[in-house]
């Protein structure tokens, strides 16, 4: 049984997500449809890229992923189908796939060219569903598109490193449901620049000198629980996806606050890491 996933910014109020599922079932009654998320911030390419990058590999090989973000067809926003890591992705060529393809080379990319056969003002419903069902039936990508070799890059995908190699300038690419702030600085990238040096992480007027292994490491469990004031403590971790994340322990935006609300951090804000030279570190 084929699996088709849906990742969109359509939300749950409108009919769009339901209509897409109905269209898929009308073509393939025995397919399995899985919602990854319909709560992407509208037109937020980096947010969608982060979510699909961290979700797709949990699905079986051969899964087909429809990504409905900024999908209106235009001369600058063509539609593509990509085979990568034995998965299929159908989306606009607007940078969404560049985060995944920066680490894993696509096996095949085609620019979808069936639009002249389909009259549509809702390409995710009409074009993307047709392509997904074609692939689910065992069809090849060349039938629905022409082969291309490159994918449009996403802005600010790679953090900036200065010439002296003592500073990383990253950006916030995602804010999760807890208000935790995820940057584009990955653990391997950080460690390659760090080379065991001490560091200071700055986000607006907040500074951190420790990266914890897990959120609860910031708590001193030797102190009696009633005296610790655990909730609301700011910290930095590499999250489960390997990205540098600024968080608040047991955050809740409506009560104790979150990294986003308490520190005033939002999408595309700058996060800086400054490394100290060995000579500047006193014994």
C-alpha atoms as a PDB file:
ATOM      1  CA  UNK A   1       0.000   0.000   0.000  1.00  0.00           C
ATOM      2  CA  UNK A   2       1.408   3.379  -1.026  1.00  0.00           C
ATOM      3  CA  UNK A   3       1.863   6.086   1.597  1.00  0.00           C
ATOM      4  CA  UNK A   4       1.324   9.765   0.733  1.00  0.00           C
ATOM      5  CA  UNK A   5       2.145  12.450   3.313  1.00  0.00           C
ATOM      6  CA  UNK A   6       0.846  16.011   3.395  1.00  0.00           C
ATOM      7  CA  UNK A   7       2.758  19.049   4.668  1.00  0.00           C
ATOM      8  CA  UNK A   8       1.021  22.390   4.095  1.00  0.00           C
ATOM      9  CA  UNK A   9       0.287  25.827   5.481  1.00  0.00           C
ATOM     10  CA  UNK A  10      -3.470  25.341   4.910  1.00  0.00           C
ATOM     11  CA  UNK A  11      -4.420  25.063   8.597  1.00  0.00           C
ATOM     12  CA  UNK A  12      -7.388  23.069   9.888  1.00  0.00           C
ATOM     13  CA  UNK A  13     -10.224  25.609   9.462  1.00  0.00           C
ATOM     14  CA  UNK A  14     -10.554  25.614   5.689  1.00  0.00           C
ATOM     15  CA  UNK A  15     -11.510  22.830   3.307  1.00  0.00           C
ATOM     16  CA  UNK A  16      -8.157  22.599   1.530  1.00  0.00           C
ATOM     17  CA  UNK A  17      -6.529  19.677   3.399  1.00  0.00           C
ATOM     18  CA  UNK A  18      -9.727  17.647   3.321  1.00  0.00           C
ATOM     19  CA  UNK A  19     -10.230  18.285  -0.389  1.00  0.00           C
ATOM     20  CA  UNK A  20      -6.720  17.056  -1.157  1.00  0.00           C
ATOM     21  CA  UNK A  21      -7.343  13.823   0.745  1.00  0.00           C
ATOM     22  CA  UNK A  22     -10.635  13.333  -1.079  1.00  0.00           C
ATOM     23  CA  UNK A  23      -8.950  13.841  -4.441  1.00  0.00           C
ATOM     24  CA  UNK A  24      -6.276  11.271  -3.599  1.00  0.00           C
ATOM     25  CA  UNK A  25      -8.835   8.701  -2.434  1.00  0.00           C
ATOM     26  CA  UNK A  26     -10.873   9.322  -5.600  1.00  0.00           C
ATOM     27  CA  UNK A  27      -7.874   8.160  -7.629  1.00  0.00           C
ATOM     28  CA  UNK A  28      -6.459   5.532  -5.258  1.00  0.00           C
ATOM     29  CA  UNK A  29      -8.884   4.092  -2.740  1.00  0.00           C
ATOM     30  CA  UNK A  30      -6.320   1.847  -1.046  1.00  0.00           C
ATOM     31  CA  UNK A  31      -3.639   4.491  -0.407  1.00  0.00           C
ATOM     32  CA  UNK A  32      -2.572   5.540   3.103  1.00  0.00           C
ATOM     33  CA  UNK A  33      -2.544   9.320   3.744  1.00  0.00           C
ATOM     34  CA  UNK A  34      -0.576  10.774   6.667  1.00  0.00           C
ATOM     35  CA  UNK A  35      -0.682  14.400   7.809  1.00  0.00           C
ATOM     36  CA  UNK A  36       2.787  15.626   8.801  1.00  0.00           C
ATOM     37  CA  UNK A  37       1.573  19.181   9.461  1.00  0.00           C
ATOM     38  CA  UNK A  38      -0.950  21.684   8.184  1.00  0.00           C
ATOM     39  CA  UNK A  39       0.235  24.352  10.628  1.00  0.00           C
ATOM     40  CA  UNK A  40       3.280  25.705   8.809  1.00  0.00           C
ATOM     41  CA  UNK A  41       3.348  29.487   9.060  1.00  0.00           C
ATOM     42  CA  UNK A  42       1.963  30.887   5.778  1.00  0.00           C
ATOM     43  CA  UNK A  43       4.578  30.850   2.973  1.00  0.00           C
ATOM     44  CA  UNK A  44       7.359  30.032   5.463  1.00  0.00           C
ATOM     45  CA  UNK A  45       9.856  28.102   3.322  1.00  0.00           C
ATOM     46  CA  UNK A  46      12.534  27.526   5.986  1.00  0.00           C
ATOM     47  CA  UNK A  47       9.953  26.279   8.501  1.00  0.00           C
ATOM     48  CA  UNK A  48       8.523  23.821   5.988  1.00  0.00           C
ATOM     49  CA  UNK A  49      12.013  22.657   4.989  1.00  0.00           C
ATOM     50  CA  UNK A  50      12.939  22.015   8.636  1.00  0.00           C
ATOM     51  CA  UNK A  51       9.782  20.015   9.319  1.00  0.00           C
ATOM     52  CA  UNK A  52       9.934  17.839   6.205  1.00  0.00           C
ATOM     53  CA  UNK A  53      13.664  17.221   6.649  1.00  0.00           C
ATOM     54  CA  UNK A  54      13.093  15.884  10.143  1.00  0.00           C
ATOM     55  CA  UNK A  55       9.932  13.902   9.405  1.00  0.00           C
ATOM     56  CA  UNK A  56      10.408  12.153   6.069  1.00  0.00           C
ATOM     57  CA  UNK A  57      13.064   9.611   7.098  1.00  0.00           C
ATOM     58  CA  UNK A  58      10.738   8.061   9.699  1.00  0.00           C
ATOM     59  CA  UNK A  59       8.537   6.827   6.849  1.00  0.00           C
ATOM     60  CA  UNK A  60       9.211   3.698   4.761  1.00  0.00           C
ATOM     61  CA  UNK A  61      11.250   3.963   1.579  1.00  0.00           C
ATOM     62  CA  UNK A  62       9.052   4.778  -1.384  1.00  0.00           C
ATOM     63  CA  UNK A  63       6.808   7.166   0.559  1.00  0.00           C
ATOM     64  CA  UNK A  64       5.477  10.102  -1.486  1.00  0.00           C
ATOM     65  CA  UNK A  65       5.535  13.517   0.190  1.00  0.00           C
ATOM     66  CA  UNK A  66       3.279  16.343  -1.042  1.00  0.00           C
ATOM     67  CA  UNK A  67       4.482  19.735   0.218  1.00  0.00           C
ATOM     68  CA  UNK A  68       1.954  22.506  -0.283  1.00  0.00           C
ATOM     69  CA  UNK A  69       3.800  25.709   0.615  1.00  0.00           C
ATOM     70  CA  UNK A  70       3.970  28.725  -1.732  1.00  0.00           C
ATOM     71  CA  UNK A  71       2.883  26.454  -4.570  1.00  0.00           C
ATOM     72  CA  UNK A  72       1.240  28.873  -6.992  1.00  0.00           C
ATOM     73  CA  UNK A  73       2.831  28.327 -10.402  1.00  0.00           C
ATOM     74  CA  UNK A  74       4.765  31.255 -11.872  1.00  0.00           C
ATOM     75  CA  UNK A  75       7.829  31.755 -14.092  1.00  0.00           C
ATOM     76  CA  UNK A  76       9.919  32.009 -10.908  1.00  0.00           C
ATOM     77  CA  UNK A  77       8.134  29.266  -8.984  1.00  0.00           C
ATOM     78  CA  UNK A  78       8.018  26.090 -11.048  1.00  0.00           C
ATOM     79  CA  UNK A  79       6.828  22.720  -9.750  1.00  0.00           C
ATOM     80  CA  UNK A  80       9.183  19.796  -9.251  1.00  0.00           C
ATOM     81  CA  UNK A  81       9.169  16.135  -8.290  1.00  0.00           C
ATOM     82  CA  UNK A  82      12.291  14.807  -6.624  1.00  0.00           C
ATOM     83  CA  UNK A  83      13.470  11.308  -5.843  1.00  0.00           C
ATOM     84  CA  UNK A  84      15.856  11.506  -2.900  1.00  0.00           C
ATOM     85  CA  UNK A  85      16.926   8.859  -0.389  1.00  0.00           C
ATOM     86  CA  UNK A  86      14.365   6.512  -2.018  1.00  0.00           C
ATOM     87  CA  UNK A  87      11.546   8.924  -1.147  1.00  0.00           C
ATOM     88  CA  UNK A  88       9.526  11.109  -3.525  1.00  0.00           C
ATOM     89  CA  UNK A  89       8.847  14.809  -2.923  1.00  0.00           C
ATOM     90  CA  UNK A  90       6.361  16.940  -4.878  1.00  0.00           C
ATOM     91  CA  UNK A  91       6.552  20.680  -4.274  1.00  0.00           C
ATOM     92  CA  UNK A  92       7.354  24.079  -5.692  1.00  0.00           C
ATOM     93  CA  UNK A  93      10.973  24.756  -6.605  1.00  0.00           C
ATOM     94  CA  UNK A  94      11.204  27.530  -4.023  1.00  0.00           C
ATOM     95  CA  UNK A  95      13.988  26.291  -1.754  1.00  0.00           C
ATOM     96  CA  UNK A  96      12.014  23.803   0.332  1.00  0.00           C
ATOM     97  CA  UNK A  97      14.096  20.849  -0.894  1.00  0.00           C
ATOM     98  CA  UNK A  98      17.474  22.546  -0.535  1.00  0.00           C
ATOM     99  CA  UNK A  99      17.822  21.747   3.183  1.00  0.00           C
ATOM    100  CA  UNK A 100      17.491  18.012   2.577  1.00  0.00           C
ATOM    101  CA  UNK A 101      19.464  17.999  -0.665  1.00  0.00           C
ATOM    102  CA  UNK A 102      22.378  19.826   0.989  1.00  0.00           C
ATOM    103  CA  UNK A 103      23.096  16.602   2.894  1.00  0.00           C
ATOM    104  CA  UNK A 104      21.765  13.931   0.514  1.00  0.00           C
ATOM    105  CA  UNK A 105      22.119  14.232  -3.251  1.00  0.00           C
ATOM    106  CA  UNK A 106      18.858  13.763  -5.171  1.00  0.00           C
ATOM    107  CA  UNK A 107      18.668  10.682  -7.346  1.00  0.00           C
ATOM    108  CA  UNK A 108      16.453  12.456  -9.885  1.00  0.00           C
ATOM    109  CA  UNK A 109      14.739  15.844 -10.261  1.00  0.00           C
ATOM    110  CA  UNK A 110      12.080  16.678 -12.844  1.00  0.00           C
ATOM    111  CA  UNK A 111      10.296  19.926 -13.562  1.00  0.00           C
ATOM    112  CA  UNK A 112       6.623  19.004 -13.779  1.00  0.00           C
ATOM    113  CA  UNK A 113       5.158  19.756 -17.209  1.00  0.00           C
ATOM    114  CA  UNK A 114       1.596  18.393 -17.153  1.00  0.00           C
ATOM    115  CA  UNK A 115      -0.052  21.751 -16.438  1.00  0.00           C
ATOM    116  CA  UNK A 116      -1.333  22.117 -20.020  1.00  0.00           C
ATOM    117  CA  UNK A 117      -3.429  18.991 -19.466  1.00  0.00           C
ATOM    118  CA  UNK A 118      -4.977  20.224 -16.205  1.00  0.00           C
ATOM    119  CA  UNK A 119      -6.939  23.432 -15.695  1.00  0.00           C
ATOM    120  CA  UNK A 120      -6.286  24.562 -12.143  1.00  0.00           C
ATOM    121  CA  UNK A 121      -6.085  27.446  -9.716  1.00  0.00           C
ATOM    122  CA  UNK A 122      -5.200  25.064  -6.867  1.00  0.00           C
ATOM    123  CA  UNK A 123      -2.103  23.157  -8.006  1.00  0.00           C
ATOM    124  CA  UNK A 124      -1.654  21.120  -4.816  1.00  0.00           C
ATOM    125  CA  UNK A 125      -5.140  19.663  -5.286  1.00  0.00           C
ATOM    126  CA  UNK A 126      -4.964  19.168  -9.036  1.00  0.00           C
ATOM    127  CA  UNK A 127      -1.351  18.862 -10.197  1.00  0.00           C
ATOM    128  CA  UNK A 128       0.428  17.547  -7.088  1.00  0.00           C
ATOM    129  CA  UNK A 129      -2.255  14.925  -6.428  1.00  0.00           C
ATOM    130  CA  UNK A 130      -2.066  13.710 -10.054  1.00  0.00           C
ATOM    131  CA  UNK A 131       1.708  13.383  -9.801  1.00  0.00           C
ATOM    132  CA  UNK A 132       1.568  11.638  -6.420  1.00  0.00           C
ATOM    133  CA  UNK A 133      -0.975   9.098  -7.640  1.00  0.00           C
ATOM    134  CA  UNK A 134       1.043   8.511 -10.816  1.00  0.00           C
ATOM    135  CA  UNK A 135       4.104   7.680  -8.695  1.00  0.00           C
ATOM    136  CA  UNK A 136       2.015   5.536  -6.319  1.00  0.00           C
ATOM    137  CA  UNK A 137       0.889   3.437  -9.293  1.00  0.00           C
ATOM    138  CA  UNK A 138       4.525   2.817 -10.187  1.00  0.00           C
ATOM    139  CA  UNK A 139       4.873   5.548 -12.801  1.00  0.00           C
ATOM    140  CA  UNK A 140       8.210   7.139 -13.570  1.00  0.00           C
ATOM    141  CA  UNK A 141       9.134  10.786 -13.066  1.00  0.00           C
ATOM    142  CA  UNK A 142      10.082  11.298 -16.712  1.00  0.00           C
ATOM    143  CA  UNK A 143       6.441  10.838 -17.740  1.00  0.00           C
ATOM    144  CA  UNK A 144       5.283  13.889 -15.769  1.00  0.00           C
ATOM    145  CA  UNK A 145       8.304  16.166 -16.139  1.00  0.00           C
ATOM    146  CA  UNK A 146      11.598  16.999 -17.794  1.00  0.00           C
ATOM    147  CA  UNK A 147      14.821  16.150 -16.010  1.00  0.00           C
ATOM    148  CA  UNK A 148      16.700  19.077 -14.434  1.00  0.00           C
ATOM    149  CA  UNK A 149      19.915  19.116 -12.415  1.00  0.00           C
ATOM    150  CA  UNK A 150      19.570  21.817  -9.783  1.00  0.00           C
ATOM    151  CA  UNK A 151      17.202  22.889  -7.029  1.00  0.00           C
ATOM    152  CA  UNK A 152      16.614  26.505  -6.061  1.00  0.00           C
ATOM    153  CA  UNK A 153      18.583  27.291  -2.884  1.00  0.00           C
ATOM    154  CA  UNK A 154      17.007  28.531   0.313  1.00  0.00           C
ATOM    155  CA  UNK A 155      18.302  31.775   1.793  1.00  0.00           C
ATOM    156  CA  UNK A 156      20.400  31.625   4.980  1.00  0.00           C
ATOM    157  CA  UNK A 157      20.693  27.837   4.841  1.00  0.00           C
ATOM    158  CA  UNK A 158      24.373  27.854   5.851  1.00  0.00           C
ATOM    159  CA  UNK A 159      25.553  30.010   8.783  1.00  0.00           C
ATOM    160  CA  UNK A 160      28.197  32.668   8.101  1.00  0.00           C
ATOM    161  CA  UNK A 161      31.728  32.189   9.464  1.00  0.00           C
ATOM    162  CA  UNK A 162      34.158  35.128   9.530  1.00  0.00           C
ATOM    163  CA  UNK A 163      37.644  35.018   8.019  1.00  0.00           C
ATOM    164  CA  UNK A 164      39.274  34.622  11.426  1.00  0.00           C
ATOM    165  CA  UNK A 165      37.157  31.511  12.072  1.00  0.00           C
ATOM    166  CA  UNK A 166      36.244  32.784  15.525  1.00  0.00           C
ATOM    167  CA  UNK A 167      32.603  33.678  14.936  1.00  0.00           C
ATOM    168  CA  UNK A 168      29.503  31.947  13.574  1.00  0.00           C
ATOM    169  CA  UNK A 169      26.510  34.069  12.636  1.00  0.00           C
ATOM    170  CA  UNK A 170      23.396  31.929  12.389  1.00  0.00           C
ATOM    171  CA  UNK A 171      19.718  32.645  11.996  1.00  0.00           C
ATOM    172  CA  UNK A 172      16.510  31.394  13.577  1.00  0.00           C
ATOM    173  CA  UNK A 173      14.802  29.037  11.119  1.00  0.00           C
ATOM    174  CA  UNK A 174      12.025  27.565  13.261  1.00  0.00           C
ATOM    175  CA  UNK A 175      10.079  28.172  16.464  1.00  0.00           C
ATOM    176  CA  UNK A 176       8.422  25.022  17.762  1.00  0.00           C
ATOM    177  CA  UNK A 177       5.163  24.471  19.649  1.00  0.00           C
ATOM    178  CA  UNK A 178       6.931  25.094  22.974  1.00  0.00           C
ATOM    179  CA  UNK A 179       8.379  28.398  21.794  1.00  0.00           C
ATOM    180  CA  UNK A 180      11.870  26.885  21.561  1.00  0.00           C
ATOM    181  CA  UNK A 181      14.031  28.701  19.002  1.00  0.00           C
ATOM    182  CA  UNK A 182      15.855  26.533  16.444  1.00  0.00           C
ATOM    183  CA  UNK A 183      18.808  27.980  14.541  1.00  0.00           C
ATOM    184  CA  UNK A 184      20.474  26.869  11.302  1.00  0.00           C
ATOM    185  CA  UNK A 185      23.669  25.925  13.202  1.00  0.00           C
ATOM    186  CA  UNK A 186      24.118  22.159  13.207  1.00  0.00           C
ATOM    187  CA  UNK A 187      26.229  20.277  15.750  1.00  0.00           C
ATOM    188  CA  UNK A 188      28.850  19.054  13.247  1.00  0.00           C
ATOM    189  CA  UNK A 189      29.206  22.536  11.745  1.00  0.00           C
ATOM    190  CA  UNK A 190      29.601  24.050  15.217  1.00  0.00           C
ATOM    191  CA  UNK A 191      32.199  21.495  16.344  1.00  0.00           C
ATOM    192  CA  UNK A 192      34.242  21.867  13.147  1.00  0.00           C
ATOM    193  CA  UNK A 193      34.623  25.593  13.824  1.00  0.00           C
ATOM    194  CA  UNK A 194      34.908  25.329  17.607  1.00  0.00           C
ATOM    195  CA  UNK A 195      37.909  22.971  17.752  1.00  0.00           C
ATOM    196  CA  UNK A 196      37.501  22.627  21.572  1.00  0.00           C
ATOM    197  CA  UNK A 197      37.570  26.417  22.180  1.00  0.00           C
ATOM    198  CA  UNK A 198      35.376  28.088  24.759  1.00  0.00           C
ATOM    199  CA  UNK A 199      32.458  30.036  23.336  1.00  0.00           C
ATOM    200  CA  UNK A 200      29.676  32.477  24.078  1.00  0.00           C
ATOM    201  CA  UNK A 201      26.302  32.314  22.340  1.00  0.00           C
ATOM    202  CA  UNK A 202      24.419  35.596  21.963  1.00  0.00           C
ATOM    203  CA  UNK A 203      20.774  36.101  21.025  1.00  0.00           C
ATOM    204  CA  UNK A 204      19.598  39.691  21.374  1.00  0.00           C
ATOM    205  CA  UNK A 205      20.781  40.635  24.879  1.00  0.00           C
ATOM    206  CA  UNK A 206      20.890  37.051  26.179  1.00  0.00           C
ATOM    207  CA  UNK A 207      24.179  35.171  26.486  1.00  0.00           C
ATOM    208  CA  UNK A 208      24.975  31.510  27.099  1.00  0.00           C
ATOM    209  CA  UNK A 209      28.309  29.798  27.741  1.00  0.00           C
ATOM    210  CA  UNK A 210      27.129  26.189  28.031  1.00  0.00           C
ATOM    211  CA  UNK A 211      25.406  23.824  25.629  1.00  0.00           C
ATOM    212  CA  UNK A 212      23.596  21.106  27.568  1.00  0.00           C
ATOM    213  CA  UNK A 213      23.115  17.533  26.415  1.00  0.00           C
ATOM    214  CA  UNK A 214      19.431  17.595  27.373  1.00  0.00           C
ATOM    215  CA  UNK A 215      16.953  20.115  28.766  1.00  0.00           C
ATOM    216  CA  UNK A 216      16.921  18.756  32.320  1.00  0.00           C
ATOM    217  CA  UNK A 217      20.716  19.089  32.667  1.00  0.00           C
ATOM    218  CA  UNK A 218      20.172  22.697  33.718  1.00  0.00           C
ATOM    219  CA  UNK A 219      18.435  21.515  36.906  1.00  0.00           C
ATOM    220  CA  UNK A 220      20.324  20.728  40.105  1.00  0.00           C
ATOM    221  CA  UNK A 221      18.375  17.717  41.307  1.00  0.00           C
ATOM    222  CA  UNK A 222      20.244  17.725  44.627  1.00  0.00           C
ATOM    223  CA  UNK A 223      18.179  20.729  45.669  1.00  0.00           C
ATOM    224  CA  UNK A 224      14.710  20.047  47.046  1.00  0.00           C
ATOM    225  CA  UNK A 225      12.152  20.360  44.235  1.00  0.00           C
ATOM    226  CA  UNK A 226      10.022  22.984  46.000  1.00  0.00           C
ATOM    227  CA  UNK A 227      13.051  25.302  46.256  1.00  0.00           C
ATOM    228  CA  UNK A 228      14.467  24.965  42.736  1.00  0.00           C
ATOM    229  CA  UNK A 229      12.200  27.179  40.590  1.00  0.00           C
ATOM    230  CA  UNK A 230      12.843  24.854  37.641  1.00  0.00           C
ATOM    231  CA  UNK A 231      10.392  26.299  35.144  1.00  0.00           C
ATOM    232  CA  UNK A 232      11.471  29.267  33.067  1.00  0.00           C
ATOM    233  CA  UNK A 233      15.236  28.701  33.073  1.00  0.00           C
ATOM    234  CA  UNK A 234      16.884  29.549  29.739  1.00  0.00           C
ATOM    235  CA  UNK A 235      19.323  27.110  28.159  1.00  0.00           C
ATOM    236  CA  UNK A 236      20.931  25.978  24.912  1.00  0.00           C
ATOM    237  CA  UNK A 237      20.954  22.417  23.554  1.00  0.00           C
ATOM    238  CA  UNK A 238      21.540  20.606  20.303  1.00  0.00           C
ATOM    239  CA  UNK A 239      18.047  19.261  19.720  1.00  0.00           C
ATOM    240  CA  UNK A 240      17.087  15.771  18.556  1.00  0.00           C
ATOM    241  CA  UNK A 241      17.633  16.877  14.944  1.00  0.00           C
ATOM    242  CA  UNK A 242      21.140  18.160  15.688  1.00  0.00           C
ATOM    243  CA  UNK A 243      20.349  21.883  15.455  1.00  0.00           C
ATOM    244  CA  UNK A 244      21.447  24.482  18.009  1.00  0.00           C
ATOM    245  CA  UNK A 245      18.317  25.409  19.948  1.00  0.00           C
ATOM    246  CA  UNK A 246      17.636  28.091  22.540  1.00  0.00           C
ATOM    247  CA  UNK A 247      15.003  26.871  24.953  1.00  0.00           C
ATOM    248  CA  UNK A 248      13.326  27.488  28.279  1.00  0.00           C
ATOM    249  CA  UNK A 249      12.988  24.527  30.636  1.00  0.00           C
ATOM    250  CA  UNK A 250       9.359  23.317  30.683  1.00  0.00           C
ATOM    251  CA  UNK A 251       8.349  26.367  28.690  1.00  0.00           C
ATOM    252  CA  UNK A 252       4.752  27.433  28.206  1.00  0.00           C
ATOM    253  CA  UNK A 253       4.051  30.614  26.308  1.00  0.00           C
ATOM    254  CA  UNK A 254       0.870  31.254  28.312  1.00  0.00           C
ATOM    255  CA  UNK A 255       2.369  30.748  31.812  1.00  0.00           C
ATOM    256  CA  UNK A 256       6.128  30.714  32.478  1.00  0.00           C
ATOM    257  CA  UNK A 257       6.922  31.932  28.955  1.00  0.00           C
ATOM    258  CA  UNK A 258       9.168  30.525  26.239  1.00  0.00           C
ATOM    259  CA  UNK A 259      12.480  31.301  24.587  1.00  0.00           C
ATOM    260  CA  UNK A 260      10.615  33.126  21.867  1.00  0.00           C
ATOM    261  CA  UNK A 261       8.395  35.224  24.162  1.00  0.00           C
ATOM    262  CA  UNK A 262      10.813  35.839  27.035  1.00  0.00           C
ATOM    263  CA  UNK A 263      13.814  36.638  24.858  1.00  0.00           C
ATOM    264  CA  UNK A 264      11.949  38.373  22.039  1.00  0.00           C
ATOM    265  CA  UNK A 265      13.310  35.983  19.424  1.00  0.00           C
ATOM    266  CA  UNK A 266      11.515  35.433  16.131  1.00  0.00           C
ATOM    267  CA  UNK A 267      12.074  33.783  12.781  1.00  0.00           C
ATOM    268  CA  UNK A 268      15.173  35.013  10.886  1.00  0.00           C
ATOM    269  CA  UNK A 269      16.663  36.716  13.967  1.00  0.00           C
ATOM    270  CA  UNK A 270      20.438  36.497  14.319  1.00  0.00           C
ATOM    271  CA  UNK A 271      22.168  34.158  16.783  1.00  0.00           C
ATOM    272  CA  UNK A 272      25.932  34.634  17.153  1.00  0.00           C
ATOM    273  CA  UNK A 273      28.592  32.279  18.503  1.00  0.00           C
ATOM    274  CA  UNK A 274      31.926  33.863  19.470  1.00  0.00           C
ATOM    275  CA  UNK A 275      34.896  31.571  20.101  1.00  0.00           C
ATOM    276  CA  UNK A 276      37.767  32.541  22.383  1.00  0.00           C
ATOM    277  CA  UNK A 277      41.311  32.031  21.181  1.00  0.00           C
ATOM    278  CA  UNK A 278      43.388  29.718  23.414  1.00  0.00           C
ATOM    279  CA  UNK A 279      45.673  32.617  24.357  1.00  0.00           C
ATOM    280  CA  UNK A 280      42.728  34.578  25.746  1.00  0.00           C
ATOM    281  CA  UNK A 281      41.719  31.788  28.122  1.00  0.00           C
ATOM    282  CA  UNK A 282      43.414  32.125  31.483  1.00  0.00           C
ATOM    283  CA  UNK A 283      44.549  28.923  33.225  1.00  0.00           C
END
